[in-house]
């Protein structure tokens, strides 16, 4: 349906106004589309940055085992303080694991010079 702006002006002028209105409407649609795309891009880039930053902060940590010679005064608790990674395992869990690995119980008396197998964590590949 053709819109007539003013019956007193020529049909040619009305066509010109109609084309101008169409052009303005098209420009508005393009601006809205560009704004939506920019917002989408900002959200996507923001999420990517957050994900990338989070993955960089979390380095893989590997579990290793080593043999430790006991010194005078060593206990399972002192070994736990030295080798247990607090973010990976509690001291009690570490002691349980050492006891299981070495076939002993917490009640066993440890003697200096004995060797125990203990676990530890490291980001380095060995």
N, C-alpha and C. Protein backbone atom coordinates (compact mmCIF):
# COMPACT_ATOMS: atom_id res chain seq x y z
N UNK A 1 0.84 -1.16 0.00
CA UNK A 1 0.00 0.00 0.00
C UNK A 1 0.89 1.23 0.00
N UNK A 2 0.63 2.09 -0.93
CA UNK A 2 1.40 3.32 -1.04
C UNK A 2 0.87 4.34 -0.07
N UNK A 3 1.79 4.98 0.59
CA UNK A 3 1.41 6.01 1.54
C UNK A 3 1.46 7.35 0.82
N UNK A 4 0.45 8.13 1.03
CA UNK A 4 0.41 9.46 0.44
C UNK A 4 0.66 10.46 1.55
N UNK A 5 1.73 11.22 1.43
CA UNK A 5 2.09 12.17 2.47
C UNK A 5 1.23 13.43 2.41
N UNK A 6 1.04 13.88 1.21
CA UNK A 6 0.30 15.13 1.07
C UNK A 6 -0.31 15.14 -0.32
N UNK A 7 -1.60 15.29 -0.38
CA UNK A 7 -2.27 15.28 -1.68
C UNK A 7 -2.01 16.55 -2.47
N UNK A 8 -1.51 17.57 -1.82
CA UNK A 8 -1.29 18.84 -2.50
C UNK A 8 0.04 18.87 -3.24
N UNK A 9 0.96 17.89 -2.92
CA UNK A 9 2.23 17.89 -3.65
C UNK A 9 2.17 16.85 -4.75
N UNK A 10 3.09 16.90 -5.61
CA UNK A 10 3.07 16.04 -6.79
C UNK A 10 3.28 14.57 -6.43
N UNK A 11 2.82 13.67 -7.26
CA UNK A 11 3.03 12.25 -7.04
C UNK A 11 4.53 11.90 -6.99
N UNK A 12 5.31 12.62 -7.75
CA UNK A 12 6.75 12.38 -7.76
C UNK A 12 7.36 12.71 -6.39
N UNK A 13 6.93 13.76 -5.76
CA UNK A 13 7.42 14.13 -4.44
C UNK A 13 7.00 13.08 -3.42
N UNK A 14 5.78 12.58 -3.56
CA UNK A 14 5.31 11.53 -2.66
C UNK A 14 6.15 10.26 -2.82
N UNK A 15 6.50 9.90 -4.02
CA UNK A 15 7.36 8.74 -4.27
C UNK A 15 8.72 8.94 -3.63
N UNK A 16 9.23 10.14 -3.73
CA UNK A 16 10.53 10.45 -3.12
C UNK A 16 10.46 10.30 -1.60
N UNK A 17 9.39 10.78 -1.01
CA UNK A 17 9.23 10.65 0.44
C UNK A 17 9.08 9.17 0.84
N UNK A 18 8.37 8.41 0.03
CA UNK A 18 8.19 6.99 0.30
C UNK A 18 9.54 6.26 0.25
N UNK A 19 10.35 6.57 -0.77
CA UNK A 19 11.68 5.96 -0.87
C UNK A 19 12.55 6.34 0.33
N UNK A 20 12.45 7.58 0.75
CA UNK A 20 13.23 8.04 1.91
C UNK A 20 12.79 7.29 3.17
N UNK A 21 11.49 7.12 3.33
CA UNK A 21 10.99 6.38 4.50
C UNK A 21 11.50 4.94 4.46
N UNK A 22 11.48 4.31 3.31
CA UNK A 22 11.98 2.95 3.15
C UNK A 22 13.48 2.88 3.49
N UNK A 23 14.23 3.86 3.03
CA UNK A 23 15.67 3.91 3.31
C UNK A 23 15.93 4.05 4.81
N UNK A 24 15.18 4.92 5.46
CA UNK A 24 15.34 5.12 6.91
C UNK A 24 14.99 3.83 7.66
N UNK A 25 13.93 3.16 7.27
CA UNK A 25 13.54 1.90 7.93
C UNK A 25 14.63 0.84 7.74
N UNK A 26 15.17 0.76 6.55
CA UNK A 26 16.25 -0.19 6.28
C UNK A 26 17.47 0.13 7.13
N UNK A 27 17.82 1.40 7.24
CA UNK A 27 18.96 1.80 8.07
C UNK A 27 18.73 1.45 9.53
N UNK A 28 17.52 1.64 10.02
CA UNK A 28 17.21 1.29 11.41
C UNK A 28 17.38 -0.21 11.63
N UNK A 29 16.91 -1.02 10.69
CA UNK A 29 17.04 -2.47 10.82
C UNK A 29 18.51 -2.89 10.82
N UNK A 30 19.30 -2.27 9.97
CA UNK A 30 20.73 -2.59 9.91
C UNK A 30 21.41 -2.21 11.23
N UNK A 31 21.07 -1.05 11.77
CA UNK A 31 21.67 -0.62 13.04
C UNK A 31 21.31 -1.58 14.16
N UNK A 32 20.05 -2.00 14.24
CA UNK A 32 19.63 -2.96 15.27
C UNK A 32 20.37 -4.28 15.08
N UNK A 33 20.49 -4.75 13.86
CA UNK A 33 21.18 -6.00 13.58
C UNK A 33 22.66 -5.91 13.99
N UNK A 34 23.30 -4.80 13.65
CA UNK A 34 24.71 -4.61 14.01
C UNK A 34 24.87 -4.58 15.54
N UNK A 35 23.97 -3.90 16.23
CA UNK A 35 24.03 -3.85 17.70
C UNK A 35 23.88 -5.24 18.30
N UNK A 36 22.95 -6.01 17.79
CA UNK A 36 22.75 -7.37 18.30
C UNK A 36 24.01 -8.21 18.04
N UNK A 37 24.60 -8.09 16.87
CA UNK A 37 25.81 -8.84 16.55
C UNK A 37 26.98 -8.41 17.43
N UNK A 38 27.10 -7.13 17.71
CA UNK A 38 28.18 -6.64 18.57
C UNK A 38 28.00 -7.18 19.99
N UNK A 39 26.78 -7.14 20.51
CA UNK A 39 26.52 -7.67 21.85
C UNK A 39 26.83 -9.16 21.90
N UNK A 40 26.42 -9.90 20.90
CA UNK A 40 26.70 -11.32 20.83
C UNK A 40 28.21 -11.57 20.80
N UNK A 41 28.94 -10.80 20.00
CA UNK A 41 30.39 -10.95 19.91
C UNK A 41 31.07 -10.65 21.24
N UNK A 42 30.62 -9.60 21.92
CA UNK A 42 31.21 -9.25 23.22
C UNK A 42 30.98 -10.37 24.23
N UNK A 43 29.78 -10.93 24.26
CA UNK A 43 29.49 -12.03 25.17
C UNK A 43 30.35 -13.24 24.84
N UNK A 44 30.44 -13.57 23.57
CA UNK A 44 31.23 -14.72 23.13
C UNK A 44 32.70 -14.54 23.46
N UNK A 45 33.25 -13.38 23.19
CA UNK A 45 34.66 -13.11 23.48
C UNK A 45 34.90 -13.10 24.99
N UNK A 46 33.99 -12.51 25.74
CA UNK A 46 34.12 -12.50 27.19
C UNK A 46 34.15 -13.90 27.78
N UNK A 47 33.24 -14.74 27.32
CA UNK A 47 33.22 -16.13 27.80
C UNK A 47 34.50 -16.87 27.40
N UNK A 48 34.98 -16.61 26.20
CA UNK A 48 36.22 -17.26 25.76
C UNK A 48 37.40 -16.84 26.62
N UNK A 49 37.47 -15.57 26.95
CA UNK A 49 38.56 -15.06 27.79
C UNK A 49 38.49 -15.69 29.18
N UNK A 50 37.30 -15.75 29.74
CA UNK A 50 37.14 -16.34 31.07
C UNK A 50 37.52 -17.82 31.05
N UNK A 51 37.07 -18.54 30.02
CA UNK A 51 37.40 -19.96 29.91
C UNK A 51 38.89 -20.16 29.73
N UNK A 52 39.51 -19.35 28.89
CA UNK A 52 40.95 -19.47 28.64
C UNK A 52 41.73 -19.16 29.91
N UNK A 53 41.34 -18.12 30.62
CA UNK A 53 42.03 -17.74 31.86
C UNK A 53 41.91 -18.85 32.90
N UNK A 54 40.73 -19.45 32.98
CA UNK A 54 40.53 -20.54 33.93
C UNK A 54 41.34 -21.77 33.59
N UNK A 55 41.45 -22.09 32.32
CA UNK A 55 42.21 -23.28 31.93
C UNK A 55 43.70 -23.06 32.09
N UNK A 56 44.17 -21.83 31.95
CA UNK A 56 45.59 -21.55 32.14
C UNK A 56 45.97 -21.65 33.61
N UNK A 57 45.04 -21.31 34.50
CA UNK A 57 45.33 -21.33 35.92
C UNK A 57 45.41 -22.76 36.45
N UNK A 58 44.73 -23.68 35.84
CA UNK A 58 44.69 -25.06 36.30
C UNK A 58 45.69 -25.91 35.52
N UNK A 59 46.91 -25.96 35.99
CA UNK A 59 47.90 -26.81 35.36
C UNK A 59 47.64 -28.25 35.79
N UNK A 60 47.88 -29.18 34.91
CA UNK A 60 47.69 -30.57 35.33
C UNK A 60 48.74 -30.95 36.37
N UNK A 61 48.31 -31.67 37.36
CA UNK A 61 49.21 -32.11 38.43
C UNK A 61 49.25 -33.64 38.38
N UNK A 62 50.47 -34.17 38.47
CA UNK A 62 50.66 -35.61 38.35
C UNK A 62 51.05 -36.19 39.71
N UNK A 63 50.58 -37.39 39.95
CA UNK A 63 50.89 -38.07 41.22
C UNK A 63 52.08 -39.00 41.00
N UNK A 64 53.04 -38.91 41.92
CA UNK A 64 54.24 -39.74 41.86
C UNK A 64 54.46 -40.41 43.20
N UNK A 65 55.34 -41.40 43.18
CA UNK A 65 55.69 -42.12 44.40
C UNK A 65 57.20 -42.07 44.55
N UNK A 66 57.65 -41.99 45.79
CA UNK A 66 59.07 -41.99 46.07
C UNK A 66 59.32 -42.76 47.36
N UNK A 67 60.55 -43.23 47.50
CA UNK A 67 60.96 -43.93 48.71
C UNK A 67 61.68 -42.93 49.61
N UNK A 68 61.28 -42.91 50.87
CA UNK A 68 61.83 -41.96 51.82
C UNK A 68 62.48 -42.72 52.97
N UNK A 69 63.74 -42.36 53.28
CA UNK A 69 64.40 -42.97 54.43
C UNK A 69 64.04 -42.15 55.66
N UNK A 70 63.54 -42.84 56.67
CA UNK A 70 63.11 -42.17 57.89
C UNK A 70 64.31 -41.68 58.70
N UNK A 71 64.17 -40.52 59.23
CA UNK A 71 65.20 -39.92 60.10
C UNK A 71 64.69 -39.98 61.54
N UNK A 72 65.57 -39.75 62.46
CA UNK A 72 65.19 -39.76 63.87
C UNK A 72 64.12 -38.68 64.10
N UNK A 73 63.03 -39.05 64.74
CA UNK A 73 61.96 -38.11 65.05
C UNK A 73 60.86 -38.05 63.99
N UNK A 74 61.06 -38.73 62.85
CA UNK A 74 60.02 -38.75 61.81
C UNK A 74 58.81 -39.55 62.28
N UNK A 75 57.64 -39.08 61.86
CA UNK A 75 56.39 -39.79 62.14
C UNK A 75 55.54 -39.72 60.88
N UNK A 76 54.47 -40.48 60.88
CA UNK A 76 53.56 -40.42 59.73
C UNK A 76 52.99 -39.01 59.58
N UNK A 77 52.76 -38.34 60.71
CA UNK A 77 52.21 -36.98 60.66
C UNK A 77 53.22 -35.98 60.09
N UNK A 78 54.50 -36.14 60.46
CA UNK A 78 55.51 -35.22 59.92
C UNK A 78 55.72 -35.46 58.43
N UNK A 79 55.63 -36.74 58.00
CA UNK A 79 55.71 -37.03 56.56
C UNK A 79 54.51 -36.43 55.83
N UNK A 80 53.35 -36.50 56.47
CA UNK A 80 52.14 -35.91 55.85
C UNK A 80 52.31 -34.41 55.70
N UNK A 81 52.89 -33.76 56.73
CA UNK A 81 53.13 -32.32 56.63
C UNK A 81 54.07 -31.98 55.47
N UNK A 82 55.02 -32.86 55.23
CA UNK A 82 56.03 -32.60 54.20
C UNK A 82 55.56 -32.96 52.80
N UNK A 83 54.82 -34.07 52.64
CA UNK A 83 54.51 -34.59 51.31
C UNK A 83 53.05 -34.45 50.87
N UNK A 84 52.13 -34.34 51.80
CA UNK A 84 50.71 -34.28 51.43
C UNK A 84 50.39 -32.94 50.81
N UNK A 85 49.77 -32.96 49.64
CA UNK A 85 49.33 -31.73 48.98
C UNK A 85 47.97 -31.36 49.57
N UNK A 86 47.91 -30.26 50.29
CA UNK A 86 46.68 -29.90 51.01
C UNK A 86 45.49 -29.71 50.08
N UNK A 87 45.74 -29.33 48.83
CA UNK A 87 44.63 -29.13 47.89
C UNK A 87 44.19 -30.44 47.24
N UNK A 88 44.96 -31.52 47.44
CA UNK A 88 44.63 -32.80 46.81
C UNK A 88 44.15 -33.84 47.82
N UNK A 89 44.73 -33.82 49.00
CA UNK A 89 44.42 -34.85 49.99
C UNK A 89 44.65 -34.29 51.39
N UNK A 90 43.92 -34.81 52.34
CA UNK A 90 44.10 -34.38 53.73
C UNK A 90 45.27 -35.16 54.34
N UNK A 91 45.70 -34.73 55.50
CA UNK A 91 46.79 -35.44 56.17
C UNK A 91 46.36 -36.86 56.53
N UNK A 92 45.13 -37.00 56.99
CA UNK A 92 44.63 -38.32 57.38
C UNK A 92 44.57 -39.25 56.16
N UNK A 93 44.11 -38.75 55.03
CA UNK A 93 44.07 -39.56 53.80
C UNK A 93 45.48 -39.95 53.37
N UNK A 94 46.41 -39.02 53.49
CA UNK A 94 47.80 -39.31 53.13
C UNK A 94 48.35 -40.43 54.01
N UNK A 95 48.11 -40.34 55.31
CA UNK A 95 48.61 -41.36 56.23
C UNK A 95 47.97 -42.72 55.93
N UNK A 96 46.68 -42.73 55.65
CA UNK A 96 46.01 -43.99 55.28
C UNK A 96 46.65 -44.60 54.04
N UNK A 97 46.95 -43.76 53.07
CA UNK A 97 47.56 -44.26 51.84
C UNK A 97 48.97 -44.79 52.10
N UNK A 98 49.76 -44.09 52.91
CA UNK A 98 51.12 -44.56 53.23
C UNK A 98 51.05 -45.90 53.95
N UNK A 99 50.14 -46.03 54.88
CA UNK A 99 49.98 -47.29 55.60
C UNK A 99 49.61 -48.43 54.64
N UNK A 100 48.70 -48.17 53.73
CA UNK A 100 48.29 -49.18 52.76
C UNK A 100 49.44 -49.54 51.82
N UNK A 101 50.16 -48.53 51.32
CA UNK A 101 51.27 -48.79 50.40
C UNK A 101 52.38 -49.61 51.04
N UNK A 102 52.59 -49.39 52.32
CA UNK A 102 53.72 -50.04 53.00
C UNK A 102 53.31 -51.23 53.87
N UNK A 103 52.02 -51.55 53.91
CA UNK A 103 51.55 -52.70 54.67
C UNK A 103 51.73 -52.53 56.17
N UNK A 104 51.53 -51.33 56.66
CA UNK A 104 51.66 -51.07 58.09
C UNK A 104 50.36 -50.44 58.60
N UNK A 105 50.28 -50.28 59.92
CA UNK A 105 49.13 -49.57 60.51
C UNK A 105 49.67 -48.34 61.21
N UNK A 106 48.78 -47.45 61.57
CA UNK A 106 49.19 -46.21 62.25
C UNK A 106 49.84 -46.49 63.59
N UNK A 107 49.53 -47.65 64.17
CA UNK A 107 50.07 -48.00 65.49
C UNK A 107 51.51 -48.50 65.42
N UNK A 108 51.98 -48.86 64.21
CA UNK A 108 53.34 -49.39 64.09
C UNK A 108 54.36 -48.34 64.52
N UNK A 109 55.42 -48.82 65.15
CA UNK A 109 56.52 -47.93 65.52
C UNK A 109 57.46 -47.81 64.33
N UNK A 110 57.79 -46.59 63.99
CA UNK A 110 58.71 -46.34 62.89
C UNK A 110 60.11 -46.16 63.45
N UNK A 111 61.09 -46.69 62.75
CA UNK A 111 62.48 -46.62 63.20
C UNK A 111 63.30 -45.85 62.16
N UNK A 112 64.23 -45.05 62.65
CA UNK A 112 65.09 -44.30 61.72
C UNK A 112 65.88 -45.30 60.88
N UNK A 113 66.09 -44.93 59.62
CA UNK A 113 66.80 -45.81 58.68
C UNK A 113 65.85 -46.64 57.84
N UNK A 114 64.62 -46.85 58.28
CA UNK A 114 63.64 -47.60 57.48
C UNK A 114 63.22 -46.76 56.27
N UNK A 115 62.73 -47.45 55.26
CA UNK A 115 62.24 -46.77 54.07
C UNK A 115 60.73 -46.94 53.97
N UNK A 116 60.06 -45.87 53.59
CA UNK A 116 58.62 -45.92 53.33
C UNK A 116 58.37 -45.35 51.94
N UNK A 117 57.38 -45.91 51.27
CA UNK A 117 56.94 -45.36 49.98
C UNK A 117 55.86 -44.34 50.27
N UNK A 118 56.02 -43.12 49.73
CA UNK A 118 55.03 -42.06 49.92
C UNK A 118 54.69 -41.48 48.56
N UNK A 119 53.51 -40.89 48.48
CA UNK A 119 53.10 -40.24 47.23
C UNK A 119 53.27 -38.74 47.37
N UNK A 120 53.43 -38.09 46.23
CA UNK A 120 53.49 -36.63 46.19
C UNK A 120 52.97 -36.18 44.84
N UNK A 121 52.66 -34.90 44.74
CA UNK A 121 52.10 -34.34 43.51
C UNK A 121 53.06 -33.29 42.95
N UNK A 122 53.14 -33.25 41.61
CA UNK A 122 54.00 -32.28 40.96
C UNK A 122 53.43 -31.93 39.59
N UNK A 123 53.52 -30.67 39.17
CA UNK A 123 53.06 -30.30 37.83
C UNK A 123 54.05 -30.74 36.75
N UNK A 124 55.26 -31.07 37.14
CA UNK A 124 56.28 -31.48 36.19
C UNK A 124 56.09 -32.94 35.82
N UNK A 125 56.37 -33.26 34.57
CA UNK A 125 56.31 -34.65 34.12
C UNK A 125 57.69 -35.25 34.35
N UNK A 126 57.71 -36.34 35.06
CA UNK A 126 59.00 -36.96 35.39
C UNK A 126 59.10 -38.34 34.82
